[in-house]
Amino acid sequence: MTEHEGFHFSVVEAAILEAIDHVGWYAYLWFPVVYREVLNFPLEAPDEQVHAAFGSLIRKGALQVTPSKQGEIPQWGAAHGALEVARNVLSLSLDLRGGHDPSEPL
């Protein structure tokens, strides 16, 4: 068992981590509306489902605040090992091509 096997993500959660890694953390791109085109966010999941996935990622310890200086806007990023697992989930979901509910873990 590797240190990364502790993370289990839904396709939505994995796509969020990948998008944040690619674009960076900008809250206005996620809330109150998910700007899919700007984020290159591939899923058609409802915004509410995407927003709920943020809470799940934080509870799992996969999405963490990075240290910032006082007065700066906090940035969020993937925890160590989480992005690798997320990419594996997304790769597997592409292989399944629509045969999987994106809200359920793979």
PDB file of N, CA and C in Angstrom:
ATOM      1  N   MET A   1       0.838  -1.178   0.000  1.00  0.00           N
ATOM      2  CA  MET A   1       0.000   0.000   0.000  1.00  0.00           C
ATOM      3  C   MET A   1       0.888   1.249   0.000  1.00  0.00           C
ATOM      4  N   THR A   2       0.623   2.160  -0.930  1.00  0.00           N
ATOM      5  CA  THR A   2       1.402   3.388  -0.976  1.00  0.00           C
ATOM      6  C   THR A   2       0.707   4.469  -0.176  1.00  0.00           C
ATOM      7  N   GLU A   3       1.438   5.573   0.072  1.00  0.00           N
ATOM      8  CA  GLU A   3       0.845   6.666   0.836  1.00  0.00           C
ATOM      9  C   GLU A   3      -0.321   7.304   0.102  1.00  0.00           C
ATOM     10  N   HIS A   4      -0.414   7.128  -1.214  1.00  0.00           N
ATOM     11  CA  HIS A   4      -1.452   7.760  -2.011  1.00  0.00           C
ATOM     12  C   HIS A   4      -2.744   6.956  -2.056  1.00  0.00           C
ATOM     13  N   GLU A   5      -2.713   5.726  -1.606  1.00  0.00           N
ATOM     14  CA  GLU A   5      -3.898   4.882  -1.693  1.00  0.00           C
ATOM     15  C   GLU A   5      -4.976   5.284  -0.687  1.00  0.00           C
ATOM     16  N   GLY A   6      -4.677   6.199   0.213  1.00  0.00           N
ATOM     17  CA  GLY A   6      -5.664   6.637   1.190  1.00  0.00           C
ATOM     18  C   GLY A   6      -6.718   7.549   0.605  1.00  0.00           C
ATOM     19  N   PHE A   7      -6.458   8.128  -0.549  1.00  0.00           N
ATOM     20  CA  PHE A   7      -7.420   9.014  -1.190  1.00  0.00           C
ATOM     21  C   PHE A   7      -8.312   8.229  -2.132  1.00  0.00           C
ATOM     22  N   HIS A   8      -9.612   8.510  -2.056  1.00  0.00           N
ATOM     23  CA  HIS A   8     -10.596   7.933  -2.977  1.00  0.00           C
ATOM     24  C   HIS A   8     -11.481   9.084  -3.435  1.00  0.00           C
ATOM     25  N   PHE A   9     -11.489   9.344  -4.741  1.00  0.00           N
ATOM     26  CA  PHE A   9     -12.207  10.490  -5.264  1.00  0.00           C
ATOM     27  C   PHE A   9     -13.278  10.091  -6.255  1.00  0.00           C
ATOM     28  N   SER A  10     -14.349  10.886  -6.269  1.00  0.00           N
ATOM     29  CA  SER A  10     -15.317  10.778  -7.353  1.00  0.00           C
ATOM     30  C   SER A  10     -14.684  11.469  -8.563  1.00  0.00           C
ATOM     31  N   VAL A  11     -15.280  11.303  -9.714  1.00  0.00           N
ATOM     32  CA  VAL A  11     -14.780  11.946 -10.924  1.00  0.00           C
ATOM     33  C   VAL A  11     -14.883  13.465 -10.773  1.00  0.00           C
ATOM     34  N   VAL A  12     -15.945  13.947 -10.164  1.00  0.00           N
ATOM     35  CA  VAL A  12     -16.111  15.391  -9.949  1.00  0.00           C
ATOM     36  C   VAL A  12     -14.985  15.921  -9.070  1.00  0.00           C
ATOM     37  N   GLU A  13     -14.705  15.241  -7.973  1.00  0.00           N
ATOM     38  CA  GLU A  13     -13.629  15.667  -7.076  1.00  0.00           C
ATOM     39  C   GLU A  13     -12.288  15.674  -7.798  1.00  0.00           C
ATOM     40  N   ALA A  14     -12.032  14.634  -8.569  1.00  0.00           N
ATOM     41  CA  ALA A  14     -10.775  14.544  -9.314  1.00  0.00           C
ATOM     42  C   ALA A  14     -10.655  15.678 -10.324  1.00  0.00           C
ATOM     43  N   ALA A  15     -11.734  15.995 -11.002  1.00  0.00           N
ATOM     44  CA  ALA A  15     -11.720  17.072 -11.990  1.00  0.00           C
ATOM     45  C   ALA A  15     -11.469  18.431 -11.327  1.00  0.00           C
ATOM     46  N   ILE A  16     -11.988  18.628 -10.128  1.00  0.00           N
ATOM     47  CA  ILE A  16     -11.741  19.872  -9.394  1.00  0.00           C
ATOM     48  C   ILE A  16     -10.252  20.014  -9.084  1.00  0.00           C
ATOM     49  N   LEU A  17      -9.646  18.968  -8.546  1.00  0.00           N
ATOM     50  CA  LEU A  17      -8.222  19.031  -8.215  1.00  0.00           C
ATOM     51  C   LEU A  17      -7.369  19.292  -9.450  1.00  0.00           C
ATOM     52  N   GLU A  18      -7.715  18.652 -10.547  1.00  0.00           N
ATOM     53  CA  GLU A  18      -6.976  18.841 -11.804  1.00  0.00           C
ATOM     54  C   GLU A  18      -7.131  20.281 -12.296  1.00  0.00           C
ATOM     55  N   ALA A  19      -8.336  20.827 -12.229  1.00  0.00           N
ATOM     56  CA  ALA A  19      -8.573  22.201 -12.691  1.00  0.00           C
ATOM     57  C   ALA A  19      -7.817  23.209 -11.827  1.00  0.00           C
ATOM     58  N   ILE A  20      -7.836  23.015 -10.516  1.00  0.00           N
ATOM     59  CA  ILE A  20      -7.109  23.932  -9.633  1.00  0.00           C
ATOM     60  C   ILE A  20      -5.612  23.851  -9.900  1.00  0.00           C
ATOM     61  N   ASP A  21      -5.105  22.668 -10.150  1.00  0.00           N
ATOM     62  CA  ASP A  21      -3.686  22.525 -10.466  1.00  0.00           C
ATOM     63  C   ASP A  21      -3.354  23.230 -11.780  1.00  0.00           C
ATOM     64  N   HIS A  22      -4.252  23.158 -12.732  1.00  0.00           N
ATOM     65  CA  HIS A  22      -3.999  23.731 -14.060  1.00  0.00           C
ATOM     66  C   HIS A  22      -4.148  25.253 -14.071  1.00  0.00           C
ATOM     67  N   VAL A  23      -5.208  25.767 -13.459  1.00  0.00           N
ATOM     68  CA  VAL A  23      -5.536  27.191 -13.552  1.00  0.00           C
ATOM     69  C   VAL A  23      -5.100  27.969 -12.316  1.00  0.00           C
ATOM     70  N   GLY A  24      -5.068  27.309 -11.174  1.00  0.00           N
ATOM     71  CA  GLY A  24      -4.830  28.003  -9.914  1.00  0.00           C
ATOM     72  C   GLY A  24      -6.149  28.203  -9.188  1.00  0.00           C
ATOM     73  N   TRP A  25      -6.053  28.731  -7.982  1.00  0.00           N
ATOM     74  CA  TRP A  25      -7.259  28.923  -7.183  1.00  0.00           C
ATOM     75  C   TRP A  25      -7.781  30.345  -7.357  1.00  0.00           C
ATOM     76  N   TYR A  26      -8.962  30.433  -7.943  1.00  0.00           N
ATOM     77  CA  TYR A  26      -9.682  31.699  -8.074  1.00  0.00           C
ATOM     78  C   TYR A  26     -11.125  31.408  -7.715  1.00  0.00           C
ATOM     79  N   ALA A  27     -11.521  31.813  -6.505  1.00  0.00           N
ATOM     80  CA  ALA A  27     -12.857  31.482  -6.000  1.00  0.00           C
ATOM     81  C   ALA A  27     -13.956  31.949  -6.935  1.00  0.00           C
ATOM     82  N   TYR A  28     -13.775  33.084  -7.587  1.00  0.00           N
ATOM     83  CA  TYR A  28     -14.822  33.624  -8.458  1.00  0.00           C
ATOM     84  C   TYR A  28     -15.064  32.763  -9.693  1.00  0.00           C
ATOM     85  N   LEU A  29     -14.145  31.848 -10.006  1.00  0.00           N
ATOM     86  CA  LEU A  29     -14.364  30.923 -11.125  1.00  0.00           C
ATOM     87  C   LEU A  29     -15.206  29.714 -10.713  1.00  0.00           C
ATOM     88  N   TRP A  30     -15.377  29.523  -9.406  1.00  0.00           N
ATOM     89  CA  TRP A  30     -16.123  28.372  -8.885  1.00  0.00           C
ATOM     90  C   TRP A  30     -17.440  28.763  -8.236  1.00  0.00           C
ATOM     91  N   PHE A  31     -17.493  29.939  -7.629  1.00  0.00           N
ATOM     92  CA  PHE A  31     -18.657  30.346  -6.849  1.00  0.00           C
ATOM     93  C   PHE A  31     -19.132  31.719  -7.289  1.00  0.00           C
ATOM     94  N   PRO A  32     -20.385  31.981  -7.465  1.00  0.00           N
ATOM     95  CA  PRO A  32     -21.527  31.095  -7.297  1.00  0.00           C
ATOM     96  C   PRO A  32     -21.791  30.212  -8.516  1.00  0.00           C
ATOM     97  N   VAL A  33     -21.117  30.516  -9.640  1.00  0.00           N
ATOM     98  CA  VAL A  33     -21.298  29.737 -10.868  1.00  0.00           C
ATOM     99  C   VAL A  33     -19.950  29.131 -11.242  1.00  0.00           C
ATOM    100  N   VAL A  34     -19.958  27.898 -11.726  1.00  0.00           N
ATOM    101  CA  VAL A  34     -18.735  27.249 -12.183  1.00  0.00           C
ATOM    102  C   VAL A  34     -18.492  27.661 -13.640  1.00  0.00           C
ATOM    103  N   TYR A  35     -17.411  28.378 -13.873  1.00  0.00           N
ATOM    104  CA  TYR A  35     -17.057  28.822 -15.223  1.00  0.00           C
ATOM    105  C   TYR A  35     -16.247  27.727 -15.920  1.00  0.00           C
ATOM    106  N   ARG A  36     -16.964  26.751 -16.443  1.00  0.00           N
ATOM    107  CA  ARG A  36     -16.357  25.560 -17.025  1.00  0.00           C
ATOM    108  C   ARG A  36     -15.380  25.861 -18.163  1.00  0.00           C
ATOM    109  N   GLU A  37     -15.723  26.815 -19.019  1.00  0.00           N
ATOM    110  CA  GLU A  37     -14.867  27.111 -20.165  1.00  0.00           C
ATOM    111  C   GLU A  37     -13.506  27.646 -19.714  1.00  0.00           C
ATOM    112  N   VAL A  38     -13.514  28.552 -18.755  1.00  0.00           N
ATOM    113  CA  VAL A  38     -12.270  29.142 -18.263  1.00  0.00           C
ATOM    114  C   VAL A  38     -11.443  28.101 -17.530  1.00  0.00           C
ATOM    115  N   LEU A  39     -12.106  27.260 -16.759  1.00  0.00           N
ATOM    116  CA  LEU A  39     -11.421  26.243 -15.964  1.00  0.00           C
ATOM    117  C   LEU A  39     -11.040  25.010 -16.774  1.00  0.00           C
ATOM    118  N   ASN A  40     -11.561  24.915 -17.992  1.00  0.00           N
ATOM    119  CA  ASN A  40     -11.405  23.697 -18.789  1.00  0.00           C
ATOM    120  C   ASN A  40     -11.946  22.508 -18.003  1.00  0.00           C
ATOM    121  N   PHE A  41     -13.100  22.734 -17.377  1.00  0.00           N
ATOM    122  CA  PHE A  41     -13.738  21.732 -16.524  1.00  0.00           C
ATOM    123  C   PHE A  41     -14.629  20.857 -17.395  1.00  0.00           C
ATOM    124  N   PRO A  42     -14.305  19.573 -17.532  1.00  0.00           N
ATOM    125  CA  PRO A  42     -14.933  18.740 -18.548  1.00  0.00           C
ATOM    126  C   PRO A  42     -16.316  18.179 -18.218  1.00  0.00           C
ATOM    127  N   LEU A  43     -16.749  18.294 -16.991  1.00  0.00           N
ATOM    128  CA  LEU A  43     -17.961  17.597 -16.582  1.00  0.00           C
ATOM    129  C   LEU A  43     -19.191  18.477 -16.666  1.00  0.00           C
ATOM    130  N   GLU A  44     -20.318  17.844 -16.921  1.00  0.00           N
ATOM    131  CA  GLU A  44     -21.599  18.532 -16.980  1.00  0.00           C
ATOM    132  C   GLU A  44     -22.348  18.447 -15.651  1.00  0.00           C
ATOM    133  N   ALA A  45     -21.684  18.055 -14.591  1.00  0.00           N
ATOM    134  CA  ALA A  45     -22.329  17.945 -13.284  1.00  0.00           C
ATOM    135  C   ALA A  45     -22.910  19.297 -12.894  1.00  0.00           C
ATOM    136  N   PRO A  46     -24.068  19.309 -12.239  1.00  0.00           N
ATOM    137  CA  PRO A  46     -24.658  20.585 -11.811  1.00  0.00           C
ATOM    138  C   PRO A  46     -23.707  21.342 -10.882  1.00  0.00           C
ATOM    139  N   ASP A  47     -23.798  22.667 -10.910  1.00  0.00           N
ATOM    140  CA  ASP A  47     -22.940  23.489 -10.052  1.00  0.00           C
ATOM    141  C   ASP A  47     -23.053  23.077  -8.590  1.00  0.00           C
ATOM    142  N   GLU A  48     -24.259  22.732  -8.155  1.00  0.00           N
ATOM    143  CA  GLU A  48     -24.462  22.339  -6.755  1.00  0.00           C
ATOM    144  C   GLU A  48     -23.640  21.102  -6.407  1.00  0.00           C
ATOM    145  N   GLN A  49     -23.552  20.183  -7.343  1.00  0.00           N
ATOM    146  CA  GLN A  49     -22.769  18.961  -7.114  1.00  0.00           C
ATOM    147  C   GLN A  49     -21.272  19.296  -7.049  1.00  0.00           C
ATOM    148  N   VAL A  50     -20.827  20.199  -7.898  1.00  0.00           N
ATOM    149  CA  VAL A  50     -19.428  20.629  -7.876  1.00  0.00           C
ATOM    150  C   VAL A  50     -19.127  21.335  -6.555  1.00  0.00           C
ATOM    151  N   HIS A  51     -20.014  22.219  -6.127  1.00  0.00           N
ATOM    152  CA  HIS A  51     -19.809  22.929  -4.870  1.00  0.00           C
ATOM    153  C   HIS A  51     -19.763  21.965  -3.686  1.00  0.00           C
ATOM    154  N   ALA A  52     -20.621  20.971  -3.674  1.00  0.00           N
ATOM    155  CA  ALA A  52     -20.628  19.977  -2.594  1.00  0.00           C
ATOM    156  C   ALA A  52     -19.324  19.183  -2.565  1.00  0.00           C
ATOM    157  N   ALA A  53     -18.744  18.959  -3.729  1.00  0.00           N
ATOM    158  CA  ALA A  53     -17.496  18.195  -3.804  1.00  0.00           C
ATOM    159  C   ALA A  53     -16.340  18.940  -3.132  1.00  0.00           C
ATOM    160  N   PHE A  54     -16.391  20.273  -3.110  1.00  0.00           N
ATOM    161  CA  PHE A  54     -15.345  21.030  -2.409  1.00  0.00           C
ATOM    162  C   PHE A  54     -15.320  20.666  -0.933  1.00  0.00           C
ATOM    163  N   GLY A  55     -16.484  20.616  -0.304  1.00  0.00           N
ATOM    164  CA  GLY A  55     -16.547  20.240   1.107  1.00  0.00           C
ATOM    165  C   GLY A  55     -15.995  18.853   1.340  1.00  0.00           C
ATOM    166  N   SER A  56     -16.311  17.947   0.454  1.00  0.00           N
ATOM    167  CA  SER A  56     -15.815  16.581   0.564  1.00  0.00           C
ATOM    168  C   SER A  56     -14.291  16.539   0.444  1.00  0.00           C
ATOM    169  N   LEU A  57     -13.736  17.288  -0.496  1.00  0.00           N
ATOM    170  CA  LEU A  57     -12.277  17.317  -0.669  1.00  0.00           C
ATOM    171  C   LEU A  57     -11.574  17.895   0.560  1.00  0.00           C
ATOM    172  N   ILE A  58     -12.176  18.902   1.160  1.00  0.00           N
ATOM    173  CA  ILE A  58     -11.590  19.492   2.361  1.00  0.00           C
ATOM    174  C   ILE A  58     -11.651  18.505   3.524  1.00  0.00           C
ATOM    175  N   ARG A  59     -12.800  17.843   3.697  1.00  0.00           N
ATOM    176  CA  ARG A  59     -12.934  16.840   4.780  1.00  0.00           C
ATOM    177  C   ARG A  59     -11.953  15.691   4.608  1.00  0.00           C
ATOM    178  N   LYS A  60     -11.690  15.296   3.377  1.00  0.00           N
ATOM    179  CA  LYS A  60     -10.752  14.205   3.105  1.00  0.00           C
ATOM    180  C   LYS A  60      -9.295  14.638   3.266  1.00  0.00           C
ATOM    181  N   GLY A  61      -9.067  15.937   3.386  1.00  0.00           N
ATOM    182  CA  GLY A  61      -7.697  16.441   3.496  1.00  0.00           C
ATOM    183  C   GLY A  61      -7.000  16.533   2.157  1.00  0.00           C
ATOM    184  N   ALA A  62      -7.733  16.434   1.068  1.00  0.00           N
ATOM    185  CA  ALA A  62      -7.150  16.461  -0.266  1.00  0.00           C
ATOM    186  C   ALA A  62      -6.996  17.869  -0.814  1.00  0.00           C
ATOM    187  N   LEU A  63      -7.804  18.795  -0.321  1.00  0.00           N
ATOM    188  CA  LEU A  63      -7.735  20.195  -0.732  1.00  0.00           C
ATOM    189  C   LEU A  63      -7.372  21.000   0.507  1.00  0.00           C
ATOM    190  N   GLN A  64      -6.230  21.672   0.435  1.00  0.00           N
ATOM    191  CA  GLN A  64      -5.719  22.356   1.618  1.00  0.00           C
ATOM    192  C   GLN A  64      -5.339  23.794   1.295  1.00  0.00           C
ATOM    193  N   VAL A  65      -5.414  24.624   2.315  1.00  0.00           N
ATOM    194  CA  VAL A  65      -4.964  26.007   2.182  1.00  0.00           C
ATOM    195  C   VAL A  65      -3.446  26.010   2.230  1.00  0.00           C
ATOM    196  N   THR A  66      -2.840  26.703   1.289  1.00  0.00           N
ATOM    197  CA  THR A  66      -1.385  26.828   1.302  1.00  0.00           C
ATOM    198  C   THR A  66      -1.013  28.023   2.170  1.00  0.00           C
ATOM    199  N   PRO A  67       0.118  27.971   2.821  1.00  0.00           N
ATOM    200  CA  PRO A  67       0.519  29.094   3.685  1.00  0.00           C
ATOM    201  C   PRO A  67       0.606  30.391   2.875  1.00  0.00           C
ATOM    202  N   SER A  68       0.125  31.468   3.466  1.00  0.00           N
ATOM    203  CA  SER A  68       0.191  32.768   2.811  1.00  0.00           C
ATOM    204  C   SER A  68       0.598  33.826   3.829  1.00  0.00           C
ATOM    205  N   LYS A  69       1.033  34.947   3.311  1.00  0.00           N
ATOM    206  CA  LYS A  69       1.421  36.053   4.185  1.00  0.00           C
ATOM    207  C   LYS A  69       0.173  36.750   4.692  1.00  0.00           C
ATOM    208  N   GLN A  70       0.285  37.387   5.829  1.00  0.00           N
ATOM    209  CA  GLN A  70      -0.836  38.103   6.407  1.00  0.00           C
ATOM    210  C   GLN A  70      -1.323  39.169   5.425  1.00  0.00           C
ATOM    211  N   GLY A  71      -2.631  39.199   5.229  1.00  0.00           N
ATOM    212  CA  GLY A  71      -3.229  40.158   4.321  1.00  0.00           C
ATOM    213  C   GLY A  71      -3.417  39.643   2.902  1.00  0.00           C
ATOM    214  N   GLU A  72      -2.787  38.516   2.560  1.00  0.00           N
ATOM    215  CA  GLU A  72      -2.957  37.928   1.228  1.00  0.00           C
ATOM    216  C   GLU A  72      -4.168  37.013   1.218  1.00  0.00           C
ATOM    217  N   ILE A  73      -4.752  36.865   0.062  1.00  0.00           N
ATOM    218  CA  ILE A  73      -5.875  35.945  -0.096  1.00  0.00           C
ATOM    219  C   ILE A  73      -5.328  34.525  -0.038  1.00  0.00           C
ATOM    220  N   PRO A  74      -5.879  33.684   0.836  1.00  0.00           N
ATOM    221  CA  PRO A  74      -5.385  32.302   0.924  1.00  0.00           C
ATOM    222  C   PRO A  74      -5.584  31.557  -0.396  1.00  0.00           C
ATOM    223  N   GLN A  75      -4.638  30.734  -0.713  1.00  0.00           N
ATOM    224  CA  GLN A  75      -4.705  29.896  -1.909  1.00  0.00           C
ATOM    225  C   GLN A  75      -4.992  28.462  -1.492  1.00  0.00           C
ATOM    226  N   TRP A  76      -5.668  27.730  -2.362  1.00  0.00           N
ATOM    227  CA  TRP A  76      -5.978  26.329  -2.114  1.00  0.00           C
ATOM    228  C   TRP A  76      -5.248  25.483  -3.135  1.00  0.00           C
ATOM    229  N   GLY A  77      -4.856  24.293  -2.715  1.00  0.00           N
ATOM    230  CA  GLY A  77      -4.191  23.372  -3.616  1.00  0.00           C
ATOM    231  C   GLY A  77      -4.349  21.942  -3.148  1.00  0.00           C
ATOM    232  N   ALA A  78      -3.943  21.036  -4.006  1.00  0.00           N
ATOM    233  CA  ALA A  78      -4.041  19.606  -3.692  1.00  0.00           C
ATOM    234  C   ALA A  78      -2.990  19.218  -2.664  1.00  0.00           C
ATOM    235  N   ALA A  79      -3.388  18.359  -1.741  1.00  0.00           N
ATOM    236  CA  ALA A  79      -2.457  17.807  -0.755  1.00  0.00           C
ATOM    237  C   ALA A  79      -1.469  16.890  -1.462  1.00  0.00           C
ATOM    238  N   HIS A  80      -0.362  16.644  -0.795  1.00  0.00           N
ATOM    239  CA  HIS A  80       0.659  15.758  -1.356  1.00  0.00           C
ATOM    240  C   HIS A  80       0.048  14.400  -1.723  1.00  0.00           C
ATOM    241  N   GLY A  81       0.215  13.991  -2.938  1.00  0.00           N
ATOM    242  CA  GLY A  81      -0.282  12.695  -3.400  1.00  0.00           C
ATOM    243  C   GLY A  81      -1.689  12.722  -3.956  1.00  0.00           C
ATOM    244  N   ALA A  82      -2.466  13.751  -3.633  1.00  0.00           N
ATOM    245  CA  ALA A  82      -3.865  13.783  -4.069  1.00  0.00           C
ATOM    246  C   ALA A  82      -4.004  13.987  -5.569  1.00  0.00           C
ATOM    247  N   LEU A  83      -3.147  14.810  -6.146  1.00  0.00           N
ATOM    248  CA  LEU A  83      -3.260  15.089  -7.569  1.00  0.00           C
ATOM    249  C   LEU A  83      -2.959  13.843  -8.405  1.00  0.00           C
ATOM    250  N   GLU A  84      -2.006  13.052  -7.974  1.00  0.00           N
ATOM    251  CA  GLU A  84      -1.683  11.813  -8.686  1.00  0.00           C
ATOM    252  C   GLU A  84      -2.889  10.861  -8.699  1.00  0.00           C
ATOM    253  N   VAL A  85      -3.538  10.725  -7.557  1.00  0.00           N
ATOM    254  CA  VAL A  85      -4.723   9.875  -7.472  1.00  0.00           C
ATOM    255  C   VAL A  85      -5.836  10.450  -8.344  1.00  0.00           C
ATOM    256  N   ALA A  86      -6.021  11.780  -8.293  1.00  0.00           N
ATOM    257  CA  ALA A  86      -7.058  12.429  -9.100  1.00  0.00           C
ATOM    258  C   ALA A  86      -6.836  12.178 -10.589  1.00  0.00           C
ATOM    259  N   ARG A  87      -5.612  12.282 -11.023  1.00  0.00           N
ATOM    260  CA  ARG A  87      -5.305  12.037 -12.446  1.00  0.00           C
ATOM    261  C   ARG A  87      -5.582  10.590 -12.830  1.00  0.00           C
ATOM    262  N   ASN A  88      -5.309   9.669 -11.934  1.00  0.00           N
ATOM    263  CA  ASN A  88      -5.626   8.264 -12.204  1.00  0.00           C
ATOM    264  C   ASN A  88      -7.129   8.051 -12.324  1.00  0.00           C
ATOM    265  N   VAL A  89      -7.891   8.705 -11.456  1.00  0.00           N
ATOM    266  CA  VAL A  89      -9.356   8.600 -11.509  1.00  0.00           C
ATOM    267  C   VAL A  89      -9.866   9.153 -12.832  1.00  0.00           C
ATOM    268  N   LEU A  90      -9.357  10.318 -13.237  1.00  0.00           N
ATOM    269  CA  LEU A  90      -9.803  10.920 -14.492  1.00  0.00           C
ATOM    270  C   LEU A  90      -9.426  10.050 -15.688  1.00  0.00           C
ATOM    271  N   SER A  91      -8.244   9.471 -15.653  1.00  0.00           N
ATOM    272  CA  SER A  91      -7.820   8.587 -16.736  1.00  0.00           C
ATOM    273  C   SER A  91      -8.729   7.373 -16.836  1.00  0.00           C
ATOM    274  N   LEU A  92      -9.059   6.795 -15.702  1.00  0.00           N
ATOM    275  CA  LEU A  92      -9.950   5.635 -15.685  1.00  0.00           C
ATOM    276  C   LEU A  92     -11.350   6.025 -16.149  1.00  0.00           C
ATOM    277  N   SER A  93     -11.808   7.206 -15.751  1.00  0.00           N
ATOM    278  CA  SER A  93     -13.151   7.632 -16.161  1.00  0.00           C
ATOM    279  C   SER A  93     -13.225   7.850 -17.660  1.00  0.00           C
ATOM    280  N   LEU A  94     -12.140   8.295 -18.273  1.00  0.00           N
ATOM    281  CA  LEU A  94     -12.120   8.447 -19.730  1.00  0.00           C
ATOM    282  C   LEU A  94     -12.196   7.081 -20.412  1.00  0.00           C
ATOM    283  N   ASP A  95     -11.576   6.096 -19.798  1.00  0.00           N
ATOM    284  CA  ASP A  95     -11.627   4.740 -20.344  1.00  0.00           C
ATOM    285  C   ASP A  95     -13.041   4.180 -20.286  1.00  0.00           C
ATOM    286  N   LEU A  96     -13.784   4.550 -19.248  1.00  0.00           N
ATOM    287  CA  LEU A  96     -15.143   4.029 -19.084  1.00  0.00           C
ATOM    288  C   LEU A  96     -16.148   4.757 -19.965  1.00  0.00           C
ATOM    289  N   ARG A  97     -15.836   5.974 -20.389  1.00  0.00           N
ATOM    290  CA  ARG A  97     -16.656   6.781 -21.304  1.00  0.00           C
ATOM    291  C   ARG A  97     -18.147   6.748 -21.022  1.00  0.00           C
ATOM    292  N   GLY A  98     -18.520   7.383 -19.946  1.00  0.00           N
ATOM    293  CA  GLY A  98     -19.940   7.576 -19.692  1.00  0.00           C
ATOM    294  C   GLY A  98     -20.658   6.453 -18.979  1.00  0.00           C
ATOM    295  N   GLY A  99     -20.002   5.368 -18.678  1.00  0.00           N
ATOM    296  CA  GLY A  99     -20.654   4.276 -17.994  1.00  0.00           C
ATOM    297  C   GLY A  99     -20.588   4.388 -16.491  1.00  0.00           C
ATOM    298  N   HIS A 100     -20.295   5.594 -15.982  1.00  0.00           N
ATOM    299  CA  HIS A 100     -20.079   5.758 -14.558  1.00  0.00           C
ATOM    300  C   HIS A 100     -20.733   7.049 -14.089  1.00  0.00           C
ATOM    301  N   ASP A 101     -21.392   6.998 -12.940  1.00  0.00           N
ATOM    302  CA  ASP A 101     -21.973   8.182 -12.335  1.00  0.00           C
ATOM    303  C   ASP A 101     -20.808   9.035 -11.776  1.00  0.00           C
ATOM    304  N   PRO A 102     -20.615  10.277 -12.270  1.00  0.00           N
ATOM    305  CA  PRO A 102     -19.460  11.068 -11.850  1.00  0.00           C
ATOM    306  C   PRO A 102     -19.458  11.452 -10.387  1.00  0.00           C
ATOM    307  N   SER A 103     -20.567  11.309  -9.692  1.00  0.00           N
ATOM    308  CA  SER A 103     -20.577  11.660  -8.272  1.00  0.00           C
ATOM    309  C   SER A 103     -20.104  10.523  -7.382  1.00  0.00           C
ATOM    310  N   GLU A 104     -19.948   9.341  -7.937  1.00  0.00           N
ATOM    311  CA  GLU A 104     -19.528   8.177  -7.161  1.00  0.00           C
ATOM    312  C   GLU A 104     -18.033   7.931  -7.319  1.00  0.00           C
ATOM    313  N   PRO A 105     -17.345   7.508  -6.238  1.00  0.00           N
ATOM    314  CA  PRO A 105     -15.918   7.181  -6.353  1.00  0.00           C
ATOM    315  C   PRO A 105     -15.698   5.997  -7.299  1.00  0.00           C
ATOM    316  N   LEU A 106     -14.578   6.022  -7.977  1.00  0.00           N
ATOM    317  CA  LEU A 106     -14.217   4.898  -8.837  1.00  0.00           C
ATOM    318  C   LEU A 106     -13.524   3.834  -8.039  1.00  0.00           C
TER     319      LEU A 106
END
